[in-house]
Amino acid sequence: MNLAEAPLNTTWRVLRVNPSEASPERANHLEEIGFLPGELVSVLAHGFPGQDPLVVRVGLSTFALRKDEALSVLLETKDADA
């Protein structure tokens, strides 16, 4: 599952960030702001209309991410071995 598909107010663990062909630097940017493997993450809210942007908490920080950015963040259950 990716971050754009995550249900609201559920906690997940970042598995990895996949670079996209259209914007390969995006993975580095997301990792620089805290989307690192093993970090806990949750979606707190969606924008209206179209559910874009997403309000996301990673670690102790809260960010607004565009949906296409959130698609790059792959998740696993928070109980998975980090």
Protein backbone atom coordinates (compact mmCIF):
# COMPACT_ATOMS: atom_id res chain seq x y z
CA MET A 1 0.00 0.00 0.00
CA ASN A 2 1.13 3.56 -0.52
CA LEU A 3 0.53 6.66 1.58
CA ALA A 4 -2.12 8.04 -0.79
CA GLU A 5 -4.24 4.91 -0.17
CA ALA A 6 -3.85 4.84 3.62
CA PRO A 7 -7.06 5.23 5.62
CA LEU A 8 -7.31 8.33 7.80
CA ASN A 9 -5.96 8.23 11.34
CA THR A 10 -4.29 4.83 11.07
CA THR A 11 -0.61 4.36 11.83
CA TRP A 12 1.74 2.70 9.37
CA ARG A 13 5.48 2.24 9.02
CA VAL A 14 7.38 3.60 6.00
CA LEU A 15 8.72 0.66 4.01
CA ARG A 16 10.55 2.72 1.37
CA VAL A 17 10.22 5.69 -0.95
CA ASN A 18 10.13 4.84 -4.65
CA PRO A 19 11.56 7.41 -7.06
CA SER A 20 9.29 8.16 -9.99
CA GLU A 21 10.54 8.33 -13.56
CA ALA A 22 8.98 11.77 -13.98
CA SER A 23 10.56 13.18 -10.80
CA PRO A 24 13.45 11.01 -9.54
CA GLU A 25 14.60 13.71 -7.08
CA ARG A 26 11.30 13.39 -5.20
CA ALA A 27 12.50 10.32 -3.27
CA ASN A 28 15.49 12.24 -1.90
CA HIS A 29 13.30 15.18 -0.91
CA LEU A 30 10.81 12.96 0.92
CA GLU A 31 13.62 11.17 2.74
CA GLU A 32 15.20 14.51 3.73
CA ILE A 33 11.97 15.61 5.43
CA GLY A 34 11.63 12.35 7.37
CA PHE A 35 10.02 9.66 5.21
CA LEU A 36 12.67 7.09 6.08
CA PRO A 37 12.23 3.32 6.32
CA GLY A 38 10.88 2.40 9.74
CA GLU A 39 9.35 5.81 10.57
CA LEU A 40 5.74 5.84 11.73
CA VAL A 41 3.36 7.74 9.50
CA SER A 42 -0.36 8.53 9.35
CA VAL A 43 -2.72 10.54 7.16
CA LEU A 44 -4.61 13.05 9.30
CA ALA A 45 -6.82 14.72 6.67
CA HIS A 46 -7.51 15.07 2.95
CA GLY A 47 -8.07 18.26 1.01
CA PHE A 48 -11.39 18.93 -0.63
CA PRO A 49 -12.30 18.29 -3.39
CA GLY A 50 -10.28 15.41 -4.77
CA GLN A 51 -8.51 14.47 -1.55
CA ASP A 52 -5.47 16.56 -2.50
CA PRO A 53 -3.34 17.58 -0.63
CA LEU A 54 -3.01 15.16 2.27
CA VAL A 55 -2.09 16.24 5.79
CA VAL A 56 0.46 13.68 6.94
CA ARG A 57 2.32 13.11 10.19
CA VAL A 58 5.68 11.38 10.02
CA GLY A 59 7.52 11.00 13.28
CA LEU A 60 6.80 14.22 15.20
CA SER A 61 6.38 16.43 12.10
CA THR A 62 3.26 17.28 10.13
CA PHE A 63 3.32 18.07 6.40
CA ALA A 64 0.96 18.72 3.53
CA LEU A 65 1.82 16.40 0.64
CA ARG A 66 0.41 16.30 -2.84
CA LYS A 67 -1.23 13.03 -3.75
CA ASP A 68 1.40 12.30 -6.40
CA GLU A 69 4.11 12.66 -3.71
CA ALA A 70 2.20 10.34 -1.35
CA LEU A 71 2.04 7.68 -4.07
CA SER A 72 5.84 7.33 -3.79
CA VAL A 73 5.77 6.39 -0.10
CA LEU A 74 5.24 2.65 0.36
CA LEU A 75 3.90 1.40 3.68
CA GLU A 76 3.82 -1.68 5.83
CA THR A 77 1.92 -2.40 9.03
CA LYS A 78 3.36 -0.63 12.04
CA ASP A 79 3.91 -3.98 13.74
CA ALA A 80 6.17 -5.24 10.94
CA ASP A 81 9.82 -5.72 11.81
CA ALA A 82 11.73 -2.52 10.99
